[in-house]
Protein backbone atom coordinates (compact mmCIF):
# COMPACT_ATOMS: atom_id res chain seq x y z
CA MET A 1 -22.30 -85.85 -4.69
CA PRO A 2 -25.35 -83.76 -3.68
CA ASP A 3 -28.38 -83.64 -5.94
CA ASP A 4 -29.44 -80.52 -7.85
CA ASP A 5 -31.39 -79.17 -4.90
CA ASP A 6 -28.39 -79.17 -2.65
CA ARG A 7 -26.54 -76.49 -4.45
CA ILE A 8 -24.30 -74.17 -2.37
CA LYS A 9 -25.96 -70.87 -2.16
CA ALA A 10 -24.71 -68.15 0.20
CA GLY A 11 -23.28 -70.71 2.52
CA LYS A 12 -26.58 -72.13 3.55
CA VAL A 13 -26.16 -75.72 2.43
CA ASP A 14 -24.66 -78.20 4.73
CA ALA A 15 -21.13 -78.45 3.45
CA ARG A 16 -20.80 -82.07 4.79
CA HIS A 17 -22.68 -83.13 1.72
CA TYR A 18 -19.56 -82.25 -0.32
CA ARG A 19 -16.10 -83.48 -0.71
CA GLN A 20 -13.22 -82.40 1.44
CA ALA A 21 -11.70 -79.70 -0.78
CA THR A 22 -15.20 -78.07 -1.30
CA ARG A 23 -15.90 -78.16 2.49
CA ALA A 24 -12.67 -76.32 3.14
CA VAL A 25 -13.77 -73.47 0.82
CA HIS A 26 -17.49 -73.28 1.76
CA ALA A 27 -18.20 -74.61 5.20
CA GLY A 28 -19.15 -71.90 7.82
CA LEU A 29 -19.91 -69.12 5.30
CA GLY A 30 -22.84 -66.88 5.59
CA GLN A 31 -23.36 -67.35 9.28
CA LYS A 32 -25.83 -64.88 10.87
CA PRO A 33 -26.17 -65.59 14.59
CA PRO A 34 -29.51 -64.84 16.25
CA PHE A 35 -28.07 -62.37 18.69
CA ASP A 36 -26.74 -58.80 18.61
CA PRO A 37 -23.12 -58.04 19.33
CA ALA A 38 -22.46 -55.16 21.72
CA VAL A 39 -20.06 -53.57 19.20
CA THR A 40 -19.98 -53.63 15.41
CA PRO A 41 -18.18 -56.75 14.34
CA ILE A 42 -15.18 -56.79 12.01
CA TYR A 43 -16.66 -57.59 8.62
CA GLN A 44 -13.29 -58.65 7.26
CA THR A 45 -14.50 -59.37 3.73
CA ALA A 46 -13.97 -57.96 0.30
CA PRO A 47 -17.13 -59.22 -1.40
CA PHE A 48 -20.55 -59.96 -0.08
CA LEU A 49 -22.95 -62.88 -0.88
CA PHE A 50 -26.28 -62.67 -2.67
CA GLU A 51 -29.39 -65.03 -2.54
CA ASP A 52 -30.21 -64.67 -6.07
CA SER A 53 -29.82 -62.52 -9.21
CA ARG A 54 -32.37 -59.98 -8.05
CA GLU A 55 -30.36 -59.22 -4.94
CA LEU A 56 -27.15 -58.95 -7.03
CA ASP A 57 -28.92 -56.41 -9.39
CA GLU A 58 -30.14 -54.42 -6.45
CA ALA A 59 -26.78 -54.28 -4.97
CA PHE A 60 -25.19 -52.76 -8.05
CA HIS A 61 -27.84 -50.11 -7.97
CA ARG A 62 -27.49 -49.31 -4.21
CA PRO A 63 -24.03 -50.61 -3.18
CA GLU A 64 -23.79 -48.38 -0.10
CA GLN A 65 -27.06 -49.87 1.27
CA THR A 66 -27.12 -53.43 0.34
CA GLY A 67 -23.48 -54.57 0.57
CA LEU A 68 -21.66 -55.37 -2.64
CA TYR A 69 -17.87 -54.94 -2.21
CA SER A 70 -15.91 -53.34 0.54
CA ARG A 71 -14.38 -50.71 -1.59
CA TYR A 72 -17.96 -49.44 -1.94
CA ALA A 73 -19.26 -49.94 1.57
CA ASN A 74 -18.54 -52.20 4.59
CA PRO A 75 -20.63 -52.42 7.85
CA THR A 76 -17.56 -51.91 10.08
CA VAL A 77 -16.42 -48.87 8.21
CA GLN A 78 -19.95 -47.49 8.00
CA GLY A 79 -19.99 -47.68 11.84
CA VAL A 80 -17.01 -45.38 11.98
CA GLU A 81 -18.49 -43.10 9.32
CA ASP A 82 -21.75 -42.78 11.40
CA LYS A 83 -19.86 -42.14 14.50
CA VAL A 84 -17.73 -39.34 13.11
CA ALA A 85 -20.79 -37.69 11.45
CA ALA A 86 -22.60 -37.73 14.78
CA LEU A 87 -19.65 -36.28 16.62
CA GLU A 88 -19.35 -33.51 14.02
CA GLY A 89 -23.04 -32.77 14.11
CA THR A 90 -23.91 -33.86 10.58
CA ASP A 91 -25.46 -36.78 8.64
CA SER A 92 -22.53 -38.06 6.51
CA ALA A 93 -18.91 -38.98 6.58
CA VAL A 94 -16.46 -40.99 4.56
CA ALA A 95 -13.58 -42.90 6.01
CA PHE A 96 -10.19 -43.29 4.25
CA ALA A 97 -7.05 -45.35 4.59
CA SER A 98 -5.08 -42.34 5.83
CA GLY A 99 -5.51 -38.60 6.57
CA MET A 100 -3.61 -37.73 3.42
CA ALA A 101 -6.01 -39.89 1.30
CA ALA A 102 -8.91 -37.92 2.87
CA ILE A 103 -7.35 -34.61 2.15
CA SER A 104 -6.08 -35.44 -1.48
CA THR A 105 -9.32 -37.17 -2.41
CA THR A 106 -11.49 -34.27 -1.23
CA LEU A 107 -9.33 -31.56 -2.91
CA SER A 108 -8.85 -33.49 -6.21
CA THR A 109 -12.63 -34.10 -6.29
CA LEU A 110 -13.59 -30.44 -5.87
CA LEU A 111 -10.89 -28.99 -8.19
CA ARG A 112 -10.99 -28.95 -12.00
CA ALA A 113 -8.89 -27.41 -14.81
CA GLY A 114 -8.68 -23.71 -14.50
CA ASP A 115 -9.86 -23.67 -10.86
CA ARG A 116 -8.21 -21.84 -7.97
CA LEU A 117 -7.88 -23.10 -4.38
CA ILE A 118 -7.46 -20.47 -1.74
CA ALA A 119 -5.39 -22.11 1.03
CA ALA A 120 -3.99 -20.77 4.32
CA ALA A 121 -0.19 -20.60 4.14
CA ASP A 122 0.05 -22.28 7.54
CA LEU A 123 -0.54 -25.91 6.75
CA TYR A 124 0.78 -29.32 7.74
CA GLY A 125 3.85 -30.11 5.77
CA GLY A 126 2.34 -33.17 4.13
CA THR A 127 -0.60 -31.10 2.87
CA THR A 128 1.72 -28.49 1.53
CA ALA A 129 3.82 -31.10 -0.19
CA TRP A 130 0.80 -32.76 -1.85
CA LEU A 131 -0.49 -29.42 -3.18
CA GLY A 132 2.89 -28.85 -4.73
CA TRP A 133 2.92 -32.35 -6.27
CA PHE A 134 -0.62 -31.94 -7.44
CA THR A 135 -0.15 -28.64 -9.10
CA GLU A 136 3.02 -29.77 -10.85
CA ARG A 137 0.83 -32.38 -12.57
CA HIS A 138 -2.09 -30.07 -13.04
CA PRO A 139 -0.50 -26.63 -13.91
CA ASP A 140 -3.93 -25.34 -14.87
CA ILE A 141 -5.00 -25.43 -11.27
CA GLU A 142 -3.83 -22.45 -9.15
CA ILE A 143 -3.12 -22.46 -5.56
CA GLU A 144 -3.42 -19.04 -3.82
CA SER A 145 -1.55 -19.07 -0.45
CA VAL A 146 -2.88 -16.53 2.07
CA ALA A 147 -1.42 -15.74 5.47
CA LEU A 148 -3.83 -17.21 8.14
CA ASP A 149 -4.40 -13.87 9.86
CA ASP A 150 -5.27 -12.26 6.51
CA LEU A 151 -7.64 -14.94 5.16
CA ALA A 152 -10.97 -13.58 6.47
CA GLN A 153 -10.25 -10.11 5.06
CA ARG A 154 -9.03 -11.50 1.80
CA LEU A 155 -12.23 -13.45 1.36
CA GLU A 156 -14.55 -10.61 2.36
CA ALA A 157 -12.79 -8.48 -0.21
CA GLY A 158 -13.99 -10.83 -2.91
CA VAL A 159 -12.78 -13.95 -4.78
CA SER A 160 -12.17 -14.67 -8.46
CA ALA A 161 -14.69 -16.43 -10.57
CA ASN A 162 -12.67 -19.54 -10.72
CA ALA A 163 -12.26 -19.84 -6.86
CA ARG A 164 -13.55 -23.38 -6.00
CA ALA A 165 -12.58 -24.03 -2.48
CA VAL A 166 -10.98 -22.60 0.72
CA TYR A 167 -8.79 -24.77 2.82
CA VAL A 168 -7.54 -24.08 6.43
CA GLU A 169 -6.25 -25.80 9.57
CA THR A 170 -7.21 -24.50 12.90
CA PRO A 171 -5.32 -24.84 15.26
CA THR A 172 -2.37 -25.11 12.85
CA ASN A 173 0.42 -27.59 12.83
CA PRO A 174 2.91 -26.79 14.55
CA LEU A 175 2.26 -23.24 15.83
CA MET A 176 -1.31 -23.74 17.16
CA ARG A 177 -2.63 -20.64 15.46
CA CYS A 178 -6.30 -20.42 15.25
CA CYS A 179 -8.35 -18.45 12.58
CA ASP A 180 -11.80 -16.98 13.00
CA LEU A 181 -13.84 -19.83 11.65
CA PRO A 182 -17.35 -18.27 11.71
CA ARG A 183 -16.10 -15.14 9.89
CA ILE A 184 -14.27 -17.10 7.23
CA ALA A 185 -17.25 -19.55 6.86
CA SER A 186 -19.64 -16.53 6.44
CA ALA A 187 -17.39 -15.11 3.76
CA CYS A 188 -17.28 -18.43 2.02
CA VAL A 189 -21.14 -18.79 2.14
CA ASP A 190 -21.51 -15.30 0.72
CA LYS A 191 -19.18 -16.10 -2.14
CA GLY A 192 -20.63 -19.58 -2.75
CA VAL A 193 -17.28 -21.38 -2.13
CA PRO A 194 -17.00 -24.48 0.09
CA LEU A 195 -14.76 -24.23 3.17
CA ILE A 196 -12.67 -27.39 4.07
CA VAL A 197 -11.28 -27.26 7.60
CA ASP A 198 -8.61 -29.68 8.95
CA ASN A 199 -9.96 -30.33 12.48
CA THR A 200 -7.33 -32.92 13.41
CA PHE A 201 -5.85 -30.94 16.33
CA ALA A 202 -9.11 -29.76 17.94
CA THR A 203 -11.17 -32.90 17.37
CA PRO A 204 -15.05 -32.69 17.47
CA VAL A 205 -14.76 -32.63 21.29
CA LEU A 206 -13.27 -29.12 21.23
CA GLN A 207 -14.50 -27.65 17.90
CA ARG A 208 -17.12 -28.54 15.33
CA PRO A 209 -16.38 -26.61 12.13
CA LEU A 210 -19.55 -27.67 10.34
CA GLU A 211 -21.60 -26.06 13.07
CA LEU A 212 -19.59 -22.85 12.58
CA GLY A 213 -20.39 -22.85 8.93
CA ALA A 214 -17.75 -24.99 7.10
CA THR A 215 -18.67 -27.32 4.41
CA TYR A 216 -16.19 -30.19 5.17
CA SER A 217 -14.39 -31.15 8.33
CA VAL A 218 -11.30 -33.28 7.70
CA HIS A 219 -9.42 -35.44 10.20
CA SER A 220 -6.24 -37.56 10.19
CA ALA A 221 -8.06 -40.21 12.30
CA THR A 222 -4.59 -41.65 12.93
CA LYS A 223 -4.25 -39.08 15.61
CA TYR A 224 -6.85 -38.24 18.34
CA LEU A 225 -9.87 -40.05 16.94
CA SER A 226 -8.00 -43.45 17.09
CA GLY A 227 -5.83 -42.16 19.99
CA HIS A 228 -3.57 -45.27 20.60
CA SER A 229 -0.95 -44.87 17.68
CA ASP A 230 -2.03 -48.15 16.14
CA VAL A 231 -4.16 -47.11 13.20
CA THR A 232 -3.67 -45.23 10.03
CA ALA A 233 -6.96 -43.56 8.87
CA GLY A 234 -8.57 -40.42 7.70
CA VAL A 235 -12.15 -39.16 7.70
CA VAL A 236 -14.12 -36.34 5.97
CA ALA A 237 -17.46 -35.26 7.37
CA GLY A 238 -20.20 -32.94 5.85
CA SER A 239 -23.83 -32.92 4.71
CA GLY A 240 -25.15 -35.85 2.70
CA GLU A 241 -25.29 -33.70 -0.44
CA ALA A 242 -21.69 -32.24 0.06
CA MET A 243 -20.30 -35.75 0.69
CA MET A 244 -21.89 -37.38 -2.35
CA PRO A 245 -19.04 -36.58 -4.77
CA ILE A 246 -16.51 -37.61 -2.21
CA ARG A 247 -18.16 -40.93 -1.67
CA GLN A 248 -18.27 -41.54 -5.38
CA ALA A 249 -14.62 -40.61 -5.66
CA ILE A 250 -13.41 -43.03 -3.07
CA ARG A 251 -15.08 -45.91 -4.83
CA LEU A 252 -13.15 -45.04 -7.94
CA VAL A 253 -9.80 -44.04 -6.39
CA GLY A 254 -9.88 -46.82 -3.87
CA GLY A 255 -8.40 -45.25 -0.71
CA CYS A 256 -10.93 -46.95 1.48
CA LEU A 257 -10.43 -47.83 5.14
CA ASP A 258 -9.74 -51.59 5.97
CA PRO A 259 -12.41 -53.13 8.22
CA HIS A 260 -10.03 -54.15 10.92
CA ALA A 261 -8.50 -50.68 11.07
CA ALA A 262 -12.07 -49.38 11.29
CA PHE A 263 -12.83 -51.59 14.20
CA LEU A 264 -9.83 -50.23 16.09
CA LEU A 265 -10.82 -46.64 15.23
CA ALA A 266 -14.35 -47.16 16.48
CA ARG A 267 -13.11 -48.51 19.68
CA GLY A 268 -10.70 -45.70 20.21
CA MET A 269 -13.41 -43.09 19.49
CA GLN A 270 -15.51 -44.45 22.39
CA THR A 271 -13.01 -42.82 24.79
CA LEU A 272 -12.29 -39.74 22.78
CA HIS A 273 -13.86 -37.26 25.19
CA LEU A 274 -12.18 -38.74 28.18
CA ARG A 275 -8.75 -38.70 26.52
CA VAL A 276 -8.97 -35.23 25.00
CA GLU A 277 -10.22 -33.70 28.26
CA ARG A 278 -7.34 -35.27 30.15
CA GLN A 279 -4.79 -34.42 27.55
CA SER A 280 -5.93 -30.85 27.22
CA ALA A 281 -5.80 -30.32 31.04
CA ASN A 282 -2.16 -31.69 31.04
CA ALA A 283 -1.29 -29.50 28.07
CA ALA A 284 -2.62 -26.39 29.73
CA GLY A 285 -0.42 -27.09 32.77
CA LEU A 286 2.63 -27.73 30.67
CA ALA A 287 2.07 -24.47 28.82
CA ARG A 288 2.06 -22.58 32.05
CA LEU A 289 5.28 -24.16 33.28
CA LEU A 290 7.03 -23.63 29.92
CA ARG A 291 6.07 -19.95 29.67
CA GLU A 292 7.92 -19.44 32.99
CA HIS A 293 11.08 -21.43 32.15
CA PRO A 294 14.23 -19.64 31.35
CA ALA A 295 15.26 -22.23 28.74
CA VAL A 296 12.17 -21.49 26.74
CA GLU A 297 12.00 -18.53 24.34
CA GLN A 298 8.41 -18.74 23.31
CA VAL A 299 5.39 -21.05 23.82
CA TYR A 300 2.71 -21.72 21.18
CA TYR A 301 -0.67 -22.86 22.64
CA ALA A 302 -4.27 -22.36 21.41
CA ASP A 303 -5.41 -20.14 24.21
CA ASP A 304 -5.82 -16.77 22.58
CA GLU A 305 -9.08 -14.87 22.19
CA ILE A 306 -10.06 -16.44 18.94
CA ALA A 307 -9.24 -19.92 20.24
CA ARG A 308 -11.36 -19.38 23.34
CA ALA A 309 -14.25 -18.09 21.28
CA GLN A 310 -14.59 -21.23 19.23
CA MET A 311 -12.82 -24.14 21.10
CA SER A 312 -13.81 -25.46 24.58
CA SER A 313 -10.16 -25.64 25.57
CA GLY A 314 -6.72 -25.06 24.17
CA GLY A 315 -6.35 -28.70 23.21
CA ALA A 316 -3.61 -31.12 23.89
CA MET A 317 -0.99 -29.86 21.39
CA LEU A 318 1.67 -27.14 22.13
CA GLY A 319 4.98 -25.98 20.74
CA PHE A 320 7.85 -24.20 22.30
CA ASP A 321 11.15 -22.63 21.02
CA ALA A 322 14.21 -23.82 23.03
CA VAL A 323 16.67 -21.14 23.79
CA GLY A 324 19.76 -21.90 21.67
CA GLY A 325 18.11 -23.13 18.53
CA LEU A 326 18.38 -26.54 16.93
CA ALA A 327 21.32 -27.69 19.14
CA ALA A 328 19.37 -26.83 22.27
CA ALA A 329 16.25 -28.45 20.92
CA ASN A 330 18.10 -31.73 20.10
CA ARG A 331 19.53 -31.66 23.55
CA VAL A 332 16.04 -31.42 25.12
CA LEU A 333 14.77 -34.24 23.06
CA ASP A 334 17.78 -36.54 23.91
CA ARG A 335 17.22 -35.86 27.63
CA LEU A 336 13.49 -36.74 27.65
CA ARG A 337 12.85 -39.90 29.57
CA LEU A 338 9.05 -40.32 29.71
CA VAL A 339 7.99 -38.27 26.65
CA ARG A 340 8.70 -40.23 23.52
CA ILE A 341 10.26 -39.04 20.23
CA MET A 342 8.10 -40.05 17.37
CA ALA A 343 6.73 -38.53 14.07
CA SER A 344 3.09 -38.60 14.96
CA LEU A 345 0.72 -37.23 17.63
CA GLY A 346 -2.56 -37.59 19.40
CA GLY A 347 -1.89 -40.96 21.22
CA VAL A 348 -2.34 -41.61 24.85
CA GLU A 349 1.32 -41.23 25.27
CA SER A 350 3.09 -37.93 25.22
CA SER A 351 5.45 -37.39 22.34
CA ALA A 352 7.87 -34.71 21.01
CA VAL A 353 9.23 -33.90 17.58
CA LEU A 354 11.19 -31.20 15.79
CA PRO A 355 9.01 -29.87 12.89
CA ALA A 356 12.05 -28.29 11.20
CA VAL A 357 13.50 -31.83 10.52
CA THR A 358 10.29 -33.74 10.17
CA SER A 359 6.87 -32.46 9.15
CA HIS A 360 8.24 -29.19 7.59
CA LYS A 361 11.54 -30.54 6.39
CA GLY A 362 10.47 -30.20 2.78
CA LEU A 363 10.24 -26.44 3.21
CA SER A 364 13.33 -24.33 2.70
CA PRO A 365 14.73 -22.44 5.85
CA ALA A 366 13.40 -19.20 4.35
CA GLU A 367 9.88 -20.67 3.89
CA ARG A 368 9.93 -22.11 7.50
CA GLU A 369 11.15 -18.66 8.81
CA SER A 370 8.34 -16.89 6.87
CA LEU A 371 5.85 -19.12 8.77
CA GLY A 372 7.46 -18.63 12.13
CA ILE A 373 8.77 -22.19 12.36
CA ARG A 374 12.21 -21.87 13.89
CA ASP A 375 14.88 -24.59 13.94
CA GLY A 376 14.68 -24.85 17.75
CA LEU A 377 10.83 -25.39 17.69
CA ILE A 378 9.65 -28.53 19.62
CA ARG A 379 6.20 -29.76 18.96
CA LEU A 380 4.72 -31.51 21.93
CA SER A 381 1.67 -33.88 21.85
CA VAL A 382 0.55 -34.24 25.43
CA GLY A 383 -0.79 -37.59 26.54
CA VAL A 384 -2.89 -38.83 29.54
CA GLU A 385 -0.04 -39.60 31.89
CA ASP A 386 0.13 -38.02 35.44
CA ALA A 387 0.64 -34.32 35.03
CA ALA A 388 3.35 -34.17 37.60
CA ASP A 389 5.43 -36.84 35.90
CA LEU A 390 5.23 -34.86 32.62
CA GLU A 391 6.16 -31.64 34.33
CA GLU A 392 9.15 -33.28 36.04
CA ASP A 393 10.33 -34.90 32.72
CA LEU A 394 10.27 -31.59 30.92
CA ALA A 395 11.91 -29.76 33.77
CA GLN A 396 14.86 -32.15 33.89
CA ALA A 397 15.28 -32.13 30.04
CA LEU A 398 15.29 -28.23 30.08
CA ALA A 399 17.64 -28.02 33.08
CA ALA A 400 21.12 -26.47 32.60
CA ASP A 401 24.01 -28.83 32.89
């Protein structure tokens, strides 16, 4: 047995002084190699160690700076948050276990009993479903749904005293509609209401909502930020002051990002610009091809005047209505060879899905029709493959028998 001066403290005592079972638990802990890694390591730990009671006390007062418990802060996760904040042109971001965790935590943090959320009607189906679920449990919170094209004018006309936030997507899922962000943001500033923008489709490569006047920029980092279809994550970015209540909320709610997922996300973001530029170029080419194809009724791509004014390109997402409705759309999907069928987007691989039976299945046919989402709509997430191969695959899938 070791004497009293050989107590185990932060893994610094030679564990060989102890018996075998104790060695198994404590040997190798607290290693701090005298060299710097080229990338942020995976700090796959829940708690952190302390030298003494003073350090422990400091950690509880400043958990985000000193390291206490990974639900509060983790160096690998902080690396992701710093990277997203830098890409969005701000000084703070908070990472979550999923995009929906980011959205739901942000909204539930900002809204109180008696408050009103002004939300664009054109939203991701999961967001719409959560808003319905949330207001069923909080009937004293009101959701005012406004057509995307009418939102700026609605805000400029005035908002009620209980309006606490405005929520939009641009481009939207799945019709790639864009709203005039500077105009909407200006109206929100005038009314003292924070603007939350889902920037998942555009990414900070093509659009930075905070620089256009928004308060929060939200991402499903599962999509383009990660880019390889192997991570589930979400991020919210904003100023340090704006993010403070969100950071406090995640510590209590617990939807924090796992360090290993954070490592993969950080690695994916290193090639974000390269991927999005290639994907966007491929998507623009496919949009041109589809607009000229007789089996396509309409193409949805973010290249209108508003999109060009605030995005550096039309992005990598597009949608198109197959002539013949749902039966025709199913036929196109079944004939695709290179483009994959999967219920996600933003990866290096191209993928297709039918919003009417996936992301927006929870809406009634009448609700989908009111949003312009037809049963024959195919949403296409364009990858980094050779453009000619993608064009050939879509052409053969759309060809008449």
